[in-house]
Amino acid sequence: MALENAIYDVHRSANMAYDVAVVGAGPGGSSTAAALARRGVSVALIDRSMFPRDKVCGGAVSPRALSSLDAMGLLPAVERGGFRRINGVRVAAPNGTDVRGDAPSGTPYRNYGYTVLRAEFDDLMRRHAVDAGAEFICGAPVIDVIRGGDGAITGVVLRRDGRTEVEARAVVGADGAGSVVARKSGLYARDTENLGVAVRVVYANVGGLEDYVEFHYDRSVLPGYAWIFPLADDRVNIGLGGFGDRFKRAGTDVFHLLDVFIRTNRWARDRLKDARVVMEPAGWALPMGGRTPMTVADGVVLVGDSAHQINPLTGEGIEYAMEAGAMAADVLAKALDEGDLSRGRLMEYDRRWRDAFMSDFDDSIRIRDMMERQSLVNMLVRRARKKPALASDLAGIIANMLPKERYNTRFKWFRRMI
């Protein structure tokens, strides 16, 4: 469907009404909207930006994410979409040694993933939602929510040529780390211990790239890490992430550290000698680990970054947003049929995503904390160079393909190094 035919004309009615208004057309919002629309629910998918639009991100689509795309019927489009196929992970230790591990076989997931530009990937997902029956409203920031007489959320207010109200029986907040829906509905939370910050830049005309994503635990960026993600057409996404409060205490920031990494790291410096910047450095916040008190209220649920559904080890959020979107759509569709959009009814969604994600997030935090120890990472990489199965394990953990409880203590890692 052409974009001009997919955009709902916000001027045609002063009182637009839907079953569900989904705010944010990233992977979480679009997957929620598509799943609802396929069940016959009338859906408005709303985004502040015109599409296609860039989203600052590392752009890794993991093997686990491919399973969600397959369930949505989108995997064939992704596989022919011109994205770069990734076969494994390279890890570089603080002492400069590195190891390359292939994605493990024998897991519930495919042993490959992709790297994408979010402008292309998110627009693919948005079009999928529109083709399923969602109506797309773009270039219209949400500035408030509408409350009924009982205090329940009954829609959103857009700022576009004045004030436009979109009425809905329920609202999905999939509008990112600074979610307006979360703030206006009283669900916004800030977990400073797991609030990450990151920056990325994209180069073209880059040499020496392989079909492996790279994680660099470089001394210059600890306790954060840097990444080098090859993209299609000899482009590369290079970025750096960590905890903003730690960088601040050290008197630095992610932009400065990324510049240092690019100038001094041999993997970055050598590959970029003939490269040119095609996307300038840009930063974003990463509320990680699912440690938000509540993600539902009367008439509203939160999905994706707005619900802190980001992996604390790698900062990856695409797969969790899509999985949570499917859960939210299932709970909302049943709640709409029952005529009960209360917080108590929608708590099923909050319980389901926590049951699915929280043990994974908790183990990721434990592994992340271990990876901040230079001596452990040096030893792990050195041993993995001699033991391919360990290198594959390392790739599987970073790619989120293996159960993390097998690796959530130093003793378990030491046992696997033997």
Protein backbone atom coordinates (compact mmCIF):
# COMPACT_ATOMS: atom_id res chain seq x y z
CA MET A 1 0.00 0.00 0.00
CA ALA A 2 1.42 3.38 -0.99
CA LEU A 3 2.28 5.67 1.88
CA GLU A 4 -0.10 8.39 0.74
CA ASN A 5 -2.99 5.90 0.86
CA ALA A 6 -1.94 4.56 4.25
CA ILE A 7 -2.02 7.87 6.13
CA TYR A 8 -5.27 8.66 7.86
CA ASP A 9 -6.44 12.23 7.24
CA VAL A 10 -6.59 13.74 10.70
CA HIS A 11 -8.66 16.62 9.36
CA ARG A 12 -11.56 14.54 8.09
CA SER A 13 -13.16 14.07 11.50
CA ALA A 14 -12.95 16.00 14.73
CA ASN A 15 -13.90 12.88 16.68
CA MET A 16 -11.95 9.91 15.35
CA ALA A 17 -12.76 6.77 17.29
CA TYR A 18 -11.05 3.38 17.37
CA ASP A 19 -10.91 0.33 19.56
CA VAL A 20 -7.19 0.89 20.20
CA ALA A 21 -4.80 3.78 19.59
CA VAL A 22 -1.19 2.59 19.35
CA VAL A 23 1.32 5.39 19.90
CA GLY A 24 4.71 4.75 18.28
CA ALA A 25 5.31 2.89 15.01
CA GLY A 26 8.53 1.14 15.93
CA PRO A 27 8.74 -2.67 16.13
CA GLY A 28 6.69 -2.80 19.35
CA GLY A 29 3.91 -0.52 18.18
CA SER A 30 3.69 -1.93 14.65
CA SER A 31 3.66 -5.54 15.86
CA THR A 32 0.91 -4.71 18.36
CA ALA A 33 -1.13 -2.87 15.74
CA ALA A 34 -0.74 -5.64 13.16
CA ALA A 35 -1.77 -8.38 15.59
CA LEU A 36 -4.83 -6.43 16.73
CA ALA A 37 -5.89 -5.53 13.20
CA ARG A 38 -5.65 -9.16 12.10
CA ARG A 39 -8.16 -9.98 14.85
CA GLY A 40 -10.66 -7.46 13.51
CA VAL A 41 -9.87 -4.71 16.03
CA SER A 42 -10.00 -1.16 14.68
CA VAL A 43 -6.57 0.36 15.25
CA ALA A 44 -4.95 3.75 14.82
CA LEU A 45 -1.15 3.52 14.58
CA ILE A 46 0.21 6.97 15.45
CA ASP A 47 3.74 8.32 15.11
CA ARG A 48 5.18 11.78 15.53
CA SER A 49 7.42 11.34 12.46
CA MET A 50 6.83 11.03 8.75
CA PHE A 51 7.95 7.64 7.43
CA PRO A 52 10.41 6.35 6.54
CA ARG A 53 12.35 7.91 9.40
CA ASP A 54 15.63 7.12 11.09
CA LYS A 55 15.71 5.58 14.56
CA VAL A 56 19.00 5.77 16.41
CA CYS A 57 19.92 2.16 17.15
CA GLY A 58 22.58 -0.49 16.66
CA GLY A 59 20.22 -2.17 14.20
CA ALA A 60 20.85 -5.83 15.08
CA VAL A 61 17.94 -8.19 14.41
CA SER A 62 18.74 -11.30 16.42
CA PRO A 63 17.90 -14.94 15.65
CA ARG A 64 15.25 -14.73 18.38
CA ALA A 65 13.74 -11.69 16.65
CA LEU A 66 13.55 -13.66 13.40
CA SER A 67 11.22 -16.12 15.14
CA SER A 68 8.83 -13.26 15.93
CA LEU A 69 9.05 -11.99 12.37
CA ASP A 70 8.31 -15.50 11.12
CA ALA A 71 5.23 -15.72 13.34
CA MET A 72 4.06 -12.38 11.93
CA GLY A 73 4.56 -13.56 8.35
CA LEU A 74 7.25 -10.93 7.80
CA LEU A 75 10.38 -13.07 7.66
CA PRO A 76 10.33 -13.59 3.85
CA ALA A 77 10.19 -9.81 3.35
CA VAL A 78 13.11 -9.30 5.73
CA GLU A 79 15.17 -12.02 4.06
CA ARG A 80 14.72 -10.45 0.64
CA GLY A 81 14.95 -6.90 1.96
CA GLY A 82 18.63 -6.37 1.17
CA PHE A 83 19.75 -6.47 4.81
CA ARG A 84 23.06 -8.01 5.81
CA ARG A 85 22.99 -11.56 7.10
CA ILE A 86 25.06 -12.10 10.25
CA ASN A 87 26.54 -15.52 11.08
CA GLY A 88 28.09 -14.93 14.49
CA VAL A 89 29.84 -12.66 16.96
CA ARG A 90 33.37 -11.40 17.43
CA VAL A 91 34.38 -10.41 20.96
CA ALA A 92 37.49 -8.32 21.60
CA ALA A 93 38.93 -8.28 25.12
CA PRO A 94 40.47 -5.29 26.93
CA ASN A 95 43.97 -6.65 26.29
CA GLY A 96 43.38 -6.56 22.52
CA THR A 97 42.88 -10.28 21.90
CA ASP A 98 39.75 -11.34 20.07
CA VAL A 99 37.75 -14.42 19.20
CA ARG A 100 35.11 -15.11 16.59
CA GLY A 101 32.27 -17.50 17.39
CA ASP A 102 29.63 -18.83 15.02
CA ALA A 103 26.03 -18.72 16.18
CA PRO A 104 25.29 -22.09 17.82
CA SER A 105 23.13 -24.73 16.18
CA GLY A 106 20.63 -26.88 18.01
CA THR A 107 18.76 -24.00 19.67
CA PRO A 108 15.09 -23.06 19.11
CA TYR A 109 16.29 -20.26 16.82
CA ARG A 110 17.90 -19.87 13.41
CA ASN A 111 21.68 -19.67 13.61
CA TYR A 112 21.87 -16.30 11.89
CA GLY A 113 20.45 -12.81 12.18
CA TYR A 114 20.54 -9.53 10.24
CA THR A 115 21.75 -5.98 10.64
CA VAL A 116 19.43 -3.28 9.39
CA LEU A 117 18.99 0.43 9.04
CA ARG A 118 16.00 1.22 11.20
CA ALA A 119 14.51 3.60 8.63
CA GLU A 120 14.08 0.62 6.30
CA PHE A 121 13.21 -2.02 8.88
CA ASP A 122 10.66 0.06 10.81
CA ASP A 123 8.94 1.13 7.61
CA LEU A 124 8.66 -2.52 6.59
CA MET A 125 6.94 -3.25 9.89
CA ARG A 126 4.72 -0.19 9.66
CA ARG A 127 3.55 -1.19 6.17
CA HIS A 128 2.82 -4.67 7.48
CA ALA A 129 0.54 -3.20 10.15
CA VAL A 130 -1.23 -1.02 7.58
CA ASP A 131 -1.70 -3.98 5.24
CA ALA A 132 -3.26 -5.87 8.17
CA GLY A 133 -5.84 -3.09 8.54
CA ALA A 134 -4.35 -0.49 10.90
CA GLU A 135 -4.80 3.17 9.94
CA PHE A 136 -1.60 5.18 10.10
CA ILE A 137 -1.41 8.74 11.41
CA CYS A 138 2.01 10.34 11.04
CA GLY A 139 3.62 13.70 11.66
CA ALA A 140 1.33 14.12 14.66
CA PRO A 141 2.98 14.12 18.11
CA VAL A 142 0.89 12.88 21.00
CA ILE A 143 0.84 15.58 23.67
CA ASP A 144 -1.68 14.21 26.17
CA VAL A 145 -4.10 11.42 26.96
CA ILE A 146 -7.88 11.67 27.27
CA ARG A 147 -9.48 10.48 30.49
CA GLY A 148 -13.06 9.41 31.00
CA GLY A 149 -15.15 10.33 34.00
CA ASP A 150 -13.82 7.33 35.92
CA GLY A 151 -10.21 8.31 35.21
CA ALA A 152 -9.58 5.57 32.64
CA ILE A 153 -7.59 6.45 29.52
CA THR A 154 -9.97 6.82 26.58
CA GLY A 155 -7.76 8.21 23.84
CA VAL A 156 -4.93 10.59 23.03
CA VAL A 157 -4.52 14.20 22.00
CA LEU A 158 -2.43 15.03 18.92
CA ARG A 159 -0.73 18.30 18.07
CA ARG A 160 -1.32 18.88 14.38
CA ASP A 161 -2.76 22.13 13.06
CA GLY A 162 -4.10 22.72 16.52
CA ARG A 163 -5.51 20.00 18.72
CA THR A 164 -6.95 16.72 17.45
CA GLU A 165 -8.47 14.10 19.72
CA VAL A 166 -8.34 10.41 18.88
CA GLU A 167 -10.81 8.47 20.98
CA ALA A 168 -10.08 4.84 21.77
CA ARG A 169 -11.25 2.19 24.17
CA ALA A 170 -7.60 1.49 24.98
CA VAL A 171 -4.20 3.08 24.33
CA VAL A 172 -0.86 1.36 23.78
CA GLY A 173 2.22 3.38 24.69
CA ALA A 174 5.00 2.18 22.39
CA ASP A 175 6.57 5.61 22.13
CA GLY A 176 10.03 4.99 23.49
CA ALA A 177 12.18 5.81 26.48
CA GLY A 178 10.58 9.19 27.12
CA SER A 179 7.07 7.89 26.51
CA VAL A 180 4.42 10.61 26.61
CA VAL A 181 1.75 7.95 27.18
CA ALA A 182 3.63 6.63 30.22
CA ARG A 183 4.12 10.12 31.66
CA LYS A 184 0.54 11.28 31.13
CA SER A 185 -0.98 8.05 32.45
CA GLY A 186 1.16 7.99 35.60
CA LEU A 187 3.26 4.97 34.57
CA TYR A 188 6.57 6.66 33.86
CA ALA A 189 9.47 5.32 35.93
CA ARG A 190 13.20 5.99 35.97
CA ASP A 191 15.58 3.21 37.03
CA THR A 192 18.93 5.01 37.26
CA GLU A 193 20.83 1.78 38.00
CA ASN A 194 19.83 0.34 34.62
CA LEU A 195 19.52 3.49 32.52
CA GLY A 196 21.94 3.20 29.64
CA VAL A 197 23.08 5.75 27.10
CA ALA A 198 24.47 5.03 23.66
CA VAL A 199 25.68 6.75 20.52
CA ARG A 200 26.09 5.51 16.97
CA VAL A 201 27.51 6.72 13.66
CA VAL A 202 27.15 5.11 10.22
CA TYR A 203 29.96 5.05 7.64
CA ALA A 204 29.99 4.05 3.99
CA ASN A 205 32.84 2.73 1.84
CA VAL A 206 34.18 0.58 4.65
CA GLY A 207 36.68 -2.22 3.98
CA GLY A 208 37.50 -5.46 5.74
CA LEU A 209 33.99 -6.28 6.96
CA GLU A 210 32.86 -9.82 7.72
CA ASP A 211 29.41 -11.24 8.42
CA TYR A 212 29.92 -11.00 12.20
CA VAL A 213 28.79 -8.37 14.67
CA GLU A 214 31.58 -7.22 16.96
CA PHE A 215 31.57 -6.30 20.65
CA HIS A 216 34.69 -4.53 21.88
CA TYR A 217 35.37 -4.38 25.61
CA ASP A 218 38.05 -1.82 24.91
CA ARG A 219 39.95 -0.30 27.87
CA SER A 220 39.12 3.16 26.55
CA VAL A 221 35.36 2.60 26.97
CA LEU A 222 35.04 0.41 30.07
CA PRO A 223 32.73 -0.06 31.89
CA GLY A 224 30.83 0.32 28.63
CA TYR A 225 31.48 -1.46 25.35
CA ALA A 226 31.74 -0.50 21.70
CA TRP A 227 30.26 -2.28 18.73
CA ILE A 228 31.02 -2.60 15.04
CA PHE A 229 28.03 -3.91 13.08
CA PRO A 230 28.54 -4.46 9.33
CA LEU A 231 25.64 -3.35 7.17
CA ALA A 232 24.77 -4.01 3.55
CA ASP A 233 26.61 -2.17 0.76
CA ASP A 234 29.93 -1.75 2.59
CA ARG A 235 28.43 0.37 5.35
CA VAL A 236 28.99 -0.04 9.05
CA ASN A 237 27.19 1.00 12.23
CA ILE A 238 29.74 1.85 14.94
CA GLY A 239 28.56 2.74 18.39
CA LEU A 240 29.23 2.77 22.08
CA GLY A 241 27.06 2.28 25.12
CA GLY A 242 27.17 2.20 28.88
CA PHE A 243 25.76 3.92 31.95
CA GLY A 244 25.42 7.67 31.78
CA ASP A 245 25.97 8.21 35.50
CA ARG A 246 29.26 6.31 35.42
CA PHE A 247 30.51 8.26 32.41
CA LYS A 248 29.49 11.49 34.11
CA ARG A 249 31.40 10.60 37.28
CA ALA A 250 34.44 9.88 35.11
CA GLY A 251 34.10 13.30 33.48
CA THR A 252 33.33 12.01 30.01
CA ASP A 253 30.42 11.00 27.75
CA VAL A 254 29.59 8.53 25.02
CA PHE A 255 30.27 10.97 22.17
CA HIS A 256 33.81 11.63 23.37
CA LEU A 257 34.48 7.95 24.03
CA LEU A 258 33.19 6.94 20.60
CA ASP A 259 35.56 9.45 19.01
CA VAL A 260 38.45 8.00 21.03
CA PHE A 261 37.47 4.45 20.07
CA ILE A 262 37.27 5.25 16.36
CA ARG A 263 40.65 7.00 16.37
CA THR A 264 42.57 4.49 18.47
CA ASN A 265 41.01 1.05 18.13
CA ARG A 266 42.79 -0.96 15.43
CA TRP A 267 39.63 -2.67 14.21
CA ALA A 268 37.86 0.64 13.70
CA ARG A 269 40.82 2.74 12.55
CA ASP A 270 42.05 0.38 9.84
CA ARG A 271 38.62 -0.22 8.32
CA LEU A 272 37.62 3.43 8.24
CA LYS A 273 40.68 4.86 6.49
CA ASP A 274 38.75 5.41 3.22
CA ALA A 275 35.26 5.68 4.75
CA ARG A 276 32.86 8.62 4.87
CA VAL A 277 30.16 9.42 7.39
CA VAL A 278 26.61 8.98 6.06
CA MET A 279 24.77 9.28 9.39
CA GLU A 280 26.22 11.67 11.93
CA PRO A 281 26.77 10.58 15.55
CA ALA A 282 23.50 10.55 17.46
CA GLY A 283 22.68 9.37 20.96
CA TRP A 284 19.72 7.87 22.79
CA ALA A 285 18.65 6.55 26.18
CA LEU A 286 18.16 2.86 27.02
CA PRO A 287 15.93 2.08 30.02
CA MET A 288 16.92 -1.55 30.49
CA GLY A 289 16.05 -4.59 32.51
CA GLY A 290 12.26 -4.36 32.84
CA ARG A 291 12.58 -2.79 36.30
CA THR A 292 9.58 -0.53 36.03
CA PRO A 293 6.90 -0.89 38.74
CA MET A 294 3.88 -1.16 36.44
CA THR A 295 3.14 -1.22 32.71
CA VAL A 296 -0.67 -1.13 32.75
CA ALA A 297 -3.36 1.24 33.97
CA ASP A 298 -7.06 1.58 33.28
CA GLY A 299 -7.23 1.61 29.50
CA VAL A 300 -3.49 1.64 28.79
CA VAL A 301 -0.54 -0.72 28.35
CA LEU A 302 3.15 0.00 27.66
CA VAL A 303 5.23 -1.93 25.12
CA GLY A 304 8.94 -1.89 24.24
CA ASP A 305 11.33 0.81 25.44
CA SER A 306 8.54 2.60 27.30
CA ALA A 307 8.24 -0.54 29.47
CA HIS A 308 12.04 -0.88 29.88
CA GLN A 309 11.95 -4.09 27.81
CA ILE A 310 15.61 -3.86 26.77
CA ASN A 311 18.29 -6.48 27.35
CA PRO A 312 20.72 -5.19 30.01
CA LEU A 313 23.68 -7.11 28.57
CA THR A 314 23.58 -5.89 24.97
CA GLY A 315 21.03 -3.06 24.86
CA GLU A 316 18.94 -5.02 22.34
CA GLY A 317 15.24 -4.25 22.37
CA ILE A 318 13.73 -5.15 19.00
CA GLU A 319 12.99 -8.78 19.82
CA TYR A 320 11.44 -8.01 23.21
CA ALA A 321 9.28 -5.24 21.76
CA MET A 322 7.86 -7.59 19.13
CA GLU A 323 7.22 -10.38 21.62
CA ALA A 324 5.58 -7.96 24.06
CA GLY A 325 3.51 -6.51 21.23
CA ALA A 326 2.06 -9.94 20.49
CA MET A 327 1.24 -10.43 24.18
CA ALA A 328 -0.34 -6.98 24.48
CA ALA A 329 -2.47 -7.57 21.40
CA ASP A 330 -3.72 -10.91 22.71
CA VAL A 331 -4.67 -9.51 26.11
CA LEU A 332 -6.25 -6.36 24.65
CA ALA A 333 -8.31 -8.28 22.06
CA LYS A 334 -9.79 -10.50 24.77
CA ALA A 335 -10.34 -7.58 27.12
CA LEU A 336 -12.17 -5.66 24.37
CA ASP A 337 -14.44 -8.65 23.76
CA GLU A 338 -15.17 -8.83 27.49
CA GLY A 339 -15.78 -5.10 27.74
CA ASP A 340 -13.25 -4.81 30.56
CA LEU A 341 -10.22 -2.53 30.01
CA SER A 342 -9.54 -2.05 33.69
CA ARG A 343 -6.07 -2.20 35.20
CA GLY A 344 -7.02 -5.45 36.91
CA ARG A 345 -7.93 -7.09 33.60
CA LEU A 346 -4.87 -5.75 31.78
CA MET A 347 -2.57 -7.01 34.53
CA GLU A 348 -2.51 -10.28 32.58
CA TYR A 349 -0.20 -8.52 30.11
CA ASP A 350 2.10 -7.21 32.86
CA ARG A 351 2.39 -10.70 34.36
CA ARG A 352 2.93 -12.40 31.01
CA TRP A 353 5.80 -10.26 29.81
CA ARG A 354 7.51 -10.34 33.20
CA ASP A 355 7.22 -14.15 33.30
CA ALA A 356 8.74 -14.29 29.82
CA PHE A 357 11.52 -11.70 30.21
CA MET A 358 12.52 -10.99 33.80
CA SER A 359 14.65 -14.05 34.56
CA ASP A 360 16.48 -13.41 31.29
CA PHE A 361 16.98 -9.76 32.24
CA ASP A 362 18.20 -10.65 35.73
CA ASP A 363 20.72 -13.16 34.38
CA SER A 364 21.81 -10.60 31.77
CA ILE A 365 22.56 -8.12 34.54
CA ARG A 366 24.68 -10.70 36.35
CA ILE A 367 26.62 -11.50 33.17
CA ARG A 368 26.97 -7.81 32.34
CA ASP A 369 28.46 -7.13 35.76
CA MET A 370 30.94 -9.98 35.24
CA MET A 371 31.93 -8.65 31.81
CA GLU A 372 33.03 -5.41 33.47
CA ARG A 373 35.96 -7.35 35.00
CA GLN A 374 38.84 -6.98 32.57
CA SER A 375 40.68 -10.05 33.84
CA LEU A 376 37.64 -12.28 33.33
CA VAL A 377 37.01 -11.08 29.77
CA ASN A 378 40.71 -11.45 28.91
CA MET A 379 40.70 -15.01 30.26
CA LEU A 380 37.41 -15.89 28.57
CA VAL A 381 38.50 -14.68 25.14
CA ARG A 382 41.93 -16.30 25.47
CA ARG A 383 40.37 -19.65 26.34
CA ALA A 384 37.68 -19.35 23.65
CA ARG A 385 40.40 -18.94 21.00
CA LYS A 386 41.47 -22.49 21.84
CA LYS A 387 38.02 -23.94 22.40
CA PRO A 388 35.53 -23.34 19.54
CA ALA A 389 32.58 -24.61 21.63
CA LEU A 390 33.25 -21.88 24.17
CA ALA A 391 33.44 -19.28 21.40
CA SER A 392 30.08 -20.51 20.12
CA ASP A 393 28.65 -20.29 23.65
CA LEU A 394 29.86 -16.71 23.89
CA ALA A 395 28.22 -15.88 20.56
CA GLY A 396 25.01 -17.60 21.65
CA ILE A 397 24.80 -15.63 24.89
CA ILE A 398 25.37 -12.28 23.19
CA ALA A 399 22.92 -13.19 20.41
CA ASN A 400 20.37 -14.20 23.07
CA MET A 401 20.08 -17.75 21.76
CA LEU A 402 21.11 -19.71 24.86
CA PRO A 403 19.57 -19.88 28.35
CA LYS A 404 21.55 -17.40 30.42
CA GLU A 405 21.12 -19.25 33.70
CA ARG A 406 23.84 -21.60 32.43
CA TYR A 407 26.31 -18.70 32.43
CA ASN A 408 25.18 -16.36 35.21
CA THR A 409 28.09 -16.93 37.63
CA ARG A 410 31.86 -16.86 37.27
CA PHE A 411 32.02 -20.48 38.46
CA LYS A 412 29.80 -21.59 35.57
CA TRP A 413 32.02 -19.75 33.08
CA PHE A 414 35.20 -21.19 34.62
CA ARG A 415 33.72 -24.67 34.39
CA ARG A 416 33.06 -24.18 30.68
CA MET A 417 36.59 -22.86 30.12
CA ILE A 418 38.10 -26.17 31.27
